[in-house]
Amino acid sequence: MNRLLTFAAFAALVVSSFPSTPGCAEEPKPTPTVDLSSSVADIDQLKVIPGTSVILSQKEWERLAAAWGIKDPPKVDFTKELLLVGTWRGSSFKFLSDVKDGDLTTELVGDKEMNPGFRFKVVSLNRNGIKSFQGKALPSE
């Protein structure tokens, strides 16, 4: 009986030492600069950024904010941060992202139910170590 308890404790220790979901993407860790989400009623504005993209300059950020009606867009130090932008037709979604060998890859997951207009999220990420997005090199500073 004592051996059985010892074996069970050892087995539990071994199993708990392995990660529960190796290699799964997670939501990116946003910086506190920008963390916005909202809806846009005009589906034609989805053409500005369909799916996912990154914004690398204040000019691009201000152009997007004007198109989508984002009032008083926060200033971003684009030498230190970039903006990750995602759009979705369902009622809610989230980013699943990973940085591997300097490449930021992102996938959107959310409700499949289509609603009028679209939803968007914009989050700032630390730019350190990110050299490309979805396999395409970021412009050098």
Protein backbone atom coordinates (compact mmCIF):
# COMPACT_ATOMS: atom_id res chain seq x y z
CA MET A 1 0.00 0.00 0.00
CA ASN A 2 2.84 2.38 0.90
CA ARG A 3 4.55 1.65 -2.45
CA LEU A 4 1.34 2.40 -4.32
CA LEU A 5 1.00 5.82 -2.64
CA THR A 6 4.65 6.62 -3.29
CA PHE A 7 4.27 5.65 -6.96
CA ALA A 8 1.06 7.72 -7.33
CA ALA A 9 2.75 10.78 -5.79
CA PHE A 10 5.77 10.37 -8.08
CA ALA A 11 3.53 9.98 -11.16
CA ALA A 12 1.57 13.12 -10.24
CA LEU A 13 4.82 15.05 -9.82
CA VAL A 14 6.11 13.92 -13.23
CA VAL A 15 2.83 14.73 -15.02
CA SER A 16 2.55 18.17 -13.41
CA SER A 17 6.08 19.09 -14.50
CA PHE A 18 5.08 19.02 -18.20
CA PRO A 19 3.43 22.09 -19.76
CA SER A 20 -0.27 21.52 -20.34
CA THR A 21 -0.39 23.03 -23.86
CA PRO A 22 3.05 23.12 -25.46
CA GLY A 23 3.46 25.34 -28.51
CA CYS A 24 0.02 27.00 -28.38
CA ALA A 25 -0.29 30.63 -29.33
CA GLU A 26 -1.41 33.08 -26.68
CA GLU A 27 -2.84 36.55 -26.66
CA PRO A 28 -0.03 39.09 -27.04
CA LYS A 29 1.06 41.02 -23.97
CA PRO A 30 -0.06 44.58 -24.73
CA THR A 31 1.74 47.66 -23.47
CA PRO A 32 -0.41 50.25 -21.66
CA THR A 33 -0.18 52.81 -24.50
CA VAL A 34 -3.06 51.60 -26.71
CA ASP A 35 -5.75 49.03 -25.93
CA LEU A 36 -8.90 49.90 -27.89
CA SER A 37 -11.85 47.95 -29.17
CA SER A 38 -15.08 49.10 -30.75
CA SER A 39 -17.42 48.66 -33.71
CA VAL A 40 -17.80 50.42 -37.04
CA ALA A 41 -21.24 50.35 -38.68
CA ASP A 42 -20.01 51.09 -42.23
CA ILE A 43 -18.84 47.74 -43.64
CA ASP A 44 -17.00 49.59 -46.45
CA GLN A 45 -14.50 50.83 -43.82
CA LEU A 46 -13.38 47.20 -43.41
CA LYS A 47 -11.37 47.73 -46.60
CA VAL A 48 -8.97 49.96 -44.63
CA ILE A 49 -7.64 46.93 -42.70
CA PRO A 50 -9.31 43.58 -43.34
CA GLY A 51 -8.18 40.83 -40.94
CA THR A 52 -4.91 41.65 -39.19
CA SER A 53 -2.17 44.17 -39.74
CA VAL A 54 0.46 46.20 -37.94
CA ILE A 55 0.80 49.97 -37.87
CA LEU A 56 4.35 51.31 -37.77
CA SER A 57 3.97 55.10 -37.89
CA GLN A 58 1.98 57.91 -36.28
CA LYS A 59 0.76 59.00 -39.74
CA GLU A 60 -0.71 55.52 -40.46
CA TRP A 61 -2.26 55.47 -36.96
CA GLU A 62 -3.91 58.88 -37.40
CA ARG A 63 -5.23 57.89 -40.85
CA LEU A 64 -6.81 54.72 -39.39
CA ALA A 65 -8.24 56.63 -36.41
CA ALA A 66 -9.86 59.16 -38.76
CA ALA A 67 -11.33 56.43 -41.00
CA TRP A 68 -12.81 54.48 -38.09
CA GLY A 69 -13.87 57.45 -35.95
CA ILE A 70 -11.38 56.88 -33.12
CA LYS A 71 -11.38 60.15 -31.19
CA ASP A 72 -8.11 61.45 -29.70
CA PRO A 73 -5.89 58.52 -30.70
CA PRO A 74 -3.08 58.10 -28.14
CA LYS A 75 0.43 59.10 -29.21
CA VAL A 76 2.69 56.10 -29.75
CA ASP A 77 6.50 55.97 -29.74
CA PHE A 78 6.84 53.84 -32.86
CA THR A 79 10.58 53.39 -32.26
CA LYS A 80 9.64 51.27 -29.21
CA GLU A 81 6.16 49.99 -30.02
CA LEU A 82 3.97 48.89 -32.89
CA LEU A 83 0.21 48.63 -33.13
CA LEU A 84 -1.47 45.30 -33.82
CA VAL A 85 -4.85 45.75 -35.51
CA GLY A 86 -7.54 43.13 -36.02
CA THR A 87 -11.02 43.24 -37.55
CA TRP A 88 -13.86 40.73 -37.21
CA ARG A 89 -17.46 40.48 -38.45
CA GLY A 90 -18.72 38.50 -35.43
CA SER A 91 -19.69 40.05 -32.10
CA SER A 92 -16.38 39.33 -30.34
CA PHE A 93 -12.88 38.03 -31.06
CA LYS A 94 -9.36 37.87 -29.70
CA PHE A 95 -5.80 37.72 -30.99
CA LEU A 96 -3.68 34.59 -30.76
CA SER A 97 -0.09 35.59 -31.42
CA ASP A 98 3.41 34.27 -31.22
CA VAL A 99 6.86 35.68 -31.90
CA LYS A 100 9.31 33.10 -33.20
CA ASP A 101 12.71 34.03 -34.61
CA GLY A 102 11.59 37.68 -34.71
CA ASP A 103 8.43 36.95 -36.74
CA LEU A 104 5.14 38.08 -35.18
CA THR A 105 2.34 35.78 -36.34
CA THR A 106 -1.25 36.45 -35.41
CA GLU A 107 -4.52 34.63 -35.79
CA LEU A 108 -7.99 35.91 -34.95
CA VAL A 109 -10.53 33.68 -33.22
CA GLY A 110 -14.06 34.61 -32.26
CA ASP A 111 -17.78 34.26 -32.79
CA LYS A 112 -18.83 33.01 -36.21
CA GLU A 113 -22.19 34.81 -36.10
CA MET A 114 -22.13 37.67 -38.60
CA ASN A 115 -23.35 41.05 -37.35
CA PRO A 116 -23.84 44.36 -39.16
CA GLY A 117 -20.61 46.33 -39.58
CA PHE A 118 -17.45 44.98 -37.96
CA ARG A 119 -15.55 44.97 -34.69
CA PHE A 120 -11.92 46.04 -34.29
CA LYS A 121 -9.14 45.87 -31.73
CA VAL A 122 -5.97 47.92 -31.64
CA VAL A 123 -3.26 47.08 -29.10
CA SER A 124 0.28 48.37 -28.73
CA LEU A 125 3.07 45.81 -28.43
CA ASN A 126 6.70 46.17 -27.47
CA ARG A 127 8.59 46.26 -30.77
CA ASN A 128 11.77 44.82 -29.28
CA GLY A 129 12.70 41.58 -31.06
CA ILE A 130 9.98 41.81 -33.73
CA LYS A 131 11.57 41.96 -37.19
CA SER A 132 8.69 40.74 -39.36
CA PHE A 133 4.91 40.30 -39.37
CA GLN A 134 3.37 37.13 -40.84
CA GLY A 135 6.67 36.44 -42.62
CA LYS A 136 7.06 39.89 -44.21
CA ALA A 137 9.95 42.05 -43.02
CA LEU A 138 9.09 45.25 -41.18
CA PRO A 139 10.63 48.40 -42.67
CA SER A 140 13.90 49.27 -40.96
CA GLU A 141 13.96 52.42 -38.85
